[in-house]
Amino acid sequence: MNRRDAALLIAINTLLSLAMVGGVSAWFLRAQKPTFGTLDVAELYRLKESQVAAMLVKRDTSDTERAMAIQRVAAFGGEVSKLIESLPEECGCLVLTRGAVLGTGANLIDLTPDVRRRLGL
């Protein structure tokens, strides 16, 4: 091995080492950034309340349909609770109620529209 080959080998090792250190530090910094999700639980309940109220006051709604609507309302709290429990794992974030957040930030995800869609609101 001559000096040229040795210098080339050193240059290649240096470049690879820098690339690896840069990649690991970028991954580490990205992994350390906290991500937060917000959920407006009050909005979900308001939407469900207005949905059921509209059903109950309709003139052509039968008593059976009204009873079914009331049963769905009773089950709604359980659905919301179950969904809220699964959200942190699904989004990979800490979920906060919207009322607890005073500002917005780059790492703040609003989960309300997706949850609203999943609950059929």
Protein backbone atom coordinates (compact mmCIF):
# COMPACT_ATOMS: atom_id res chain seq x y z
CA MET A 1 0.00 0.00 0.00
CA ASN A 2 1.44 3.34 -0.99
CA ARG A 3 0.81 6.82 0.42
CA ARG A 4 -1.91 7.58 -2.10
CA ASP A 5 -3.91 4.47 -1.15
CA ALA A 6 -3.47 5.22 2.56
CA ALA A 7 -4.66 8.82 2.10
CA LEU A 8 -7.68 7.63 0.10
CA LEU A 9 -8.54 5.08 2.79
CA ILE A 10 -8.28 7.74 5.51
CA ALA A 11 -10.48 10.14 3.52
CA ILE A 12 -13.15 7.49 2.93
CA ASN A 13 -13.15 6.48 6.61
CA THR A 14 -13.44 10.13 7.66
CA LEU A 15 -16.37 10.77 5.32
CA LEU A 16 -18.20 7.63 6.43
CA SER A 17 -17.63 8.45 10.10
CA LEU A 18 -18.99 11.99 9.64
CA ALA A 19 -22.03 10.68 7.78
CA MET A 20 -22.76 8.14 10.52
CA VAL A 21 -22.33 10.69 13.33
CA GLY A 22 -24.56 13.16 11.47
CA GLY A 23 -27.25 10.55 10.85
CA VAL A 24 -27.26 9.30 14.43
CA SER A 25 -27.37 12.80 15.90
CA ALA A 26 -30.20 13.84 13.54
CA TRP A 27 -32.17 10.74 14.55
CA PHE A 28 -31.46 11.34 18.24
CA LEU A 29 -32.53 14.98 18.10
CA ARG A 30 -35.68 14.10 16.17
CA ALA A 31 -36.54 11.31 18.60
CA GLN A 32 -36.15 13.66 21.57
CA LYS A 33 -38.58 16.30 20.29
CA PRO A 34 -41.86 15.92 22.13
CA THR A 35 -44.98 15.88 20.02
CA PHE A 36 -48.30 16.86 21.50
CA GLY A 37 -51.81 16.25 20.26
CA THR A 38 -54.89 18.15 21.33
CA LEU A 39 -58.44 16.92 21.51
CA ASP A 40 -61.50 19.10 22.07
CA VAL A 41 -63.60 16.67 24.10
CA ALA A 42 -66.22 19.32 24.86
CA GLU A 43 -66.78 19.83 21.13
CA LEU A 44 -67.34 16.11 20.65
CA TYR A 45 -70.02 16.06 23.34
CA ARG A 46 -71.66 19.24 22.00
CA LEU A 47 -71.84 17.73 18.51
CA LYS A 48 -73.33 14.49 19.82
CA GLU A 49 -75.82 16.43 21.93
CA SER A 50 -77.01 18.49 18.97
CA GLN A 51 -77.18 15.37 16.78
CA VAL A 52 -79.40 13.57 19.29
CA ALA A 53 -81.49 16.65 20.05
CA ALA A 54 -82.25 17.03 16.34
CA MET A 55 -83.37 13.41 16.24
CA LEU A 56 -85.57 13.73 19.33
CA VAL A 57 -87.44 16.85 18.21
CA LYS A 58 -88.22 15.66 14.70
CA ARG A 59 -91.96 15.13 14.32
CA ASP A 60 -91.75 12.00 12.18
CA THR A 61 -89.40 10.19 14.59
CA SER A 62 -91.02 7.15 16.20
CA ASP A 63 -90.74 6.26 19.87
CA THR A 64 -88.53 3.30 18.96
CA GLU A 65 -86.13 5.56 17.08
CA ARG A 66 -86.05 7.97 20.01
CA ALA A 67 -85.29 5.11 22.41
CA MET A 68 -82.50 3.89 20.13
CA ALA A 69 -81.04 7.43 20.00
CA ILE A 70 -81.01 7.58 23.79
CA GLN A 71 -79.28 4.18 23.95
CA ARG A 72 -76.63 5.41 21.49
CA VAL A 73 -76.05 8.45 23.70
CA ALA A 74 -75.55 6.18 26.71
CA ALA A 75 -72.91 4.21 24.78
CA PHE A 76 -71.23 7.35 23.43
CA GLY A 77 -69.20 8.02 26.58
CA GLY A 78 -67.71 4.54 26.43
CA GLU A 79 -66.84 4.96 22.76
CA VAL A 80 -65.11 8.27 23.43
CA SER A 81 -63.19 6.85 26.40
CA LYS A 82 -62.02 3.85 24.41
CA LEU A 83 -60.91 6.05 21.52
CA ILE A 84 -59.09 8.47 23.81
CA GLU A 85 -57.16 5.59 25.39
CA SER A 86 -55.91 4.44 21.98
CA LEU A 87 -54.96 7.89 20.65
CA PRO A 88 -51.48 8.30 22.24
CA GLU A 89 -50.24 5.06 20.74
CA GLU A 90 -51.79 5.76 17.33
CA CYS A 91 -50.36 9.27 16.97
CA GLY A 92 -47.15 8.67 18.91
CA CYS A 93 -47.84 11.78 20.94
CA LEU A 94 -49.00 13.01 24.30
CA VAL A 95 -52.71 13.90 24.06
CA LEU A 96 -53.92 16.96 25.93
CA THR A 97 -57.43 18.30 26.20
CA ARG A 98 -57.80 21.46 24.15
CA GLY A 99 -58.80 23.47 27.22
CA ALA A 100 -55.40 22.77 28.83
CA VAL A 101 -53.45 24.31 25.93
CA LEU A 102 -52.92 28.07 25.93
CA GLY A 103 -50.99 28.45 22.69
CA THR A 104 -50.06 26.68 19.53
CA GLY A 105 -46.76 25.28 18.40
CA ALA A 106 -45.05 23.46 15.59
CA ASN A 107 -45.31 20.15 17.43
CA LEU A 108 -49.01 20.52 18.24
CA ILE A 109 -51.39 18.23 16.33
CA ASP A 110 -55.16 18.76 16.45
CA LEU A 111 -56.69 15.29 16.65
CA THR A 112 -60.29 16.54 16.93
CA PRO A 113 -61.24 16.36 13.20
CA ASP A 114 -60.06 12.75 12.92
CA VAL A 115 -61.84 11.70 16.13
CA ARG A 116 -64.99 13.54 15.01
CA ARG A 117 -64.93 11.59 11.74
CA ARG A 118 -64.33 8.27 13.52
CA LEU A 119 -67.28 8.88 15.84
CA GLY A 120 -69.55 9.84 12.96
CA LEU A 121 -70.08 13.42 14.08
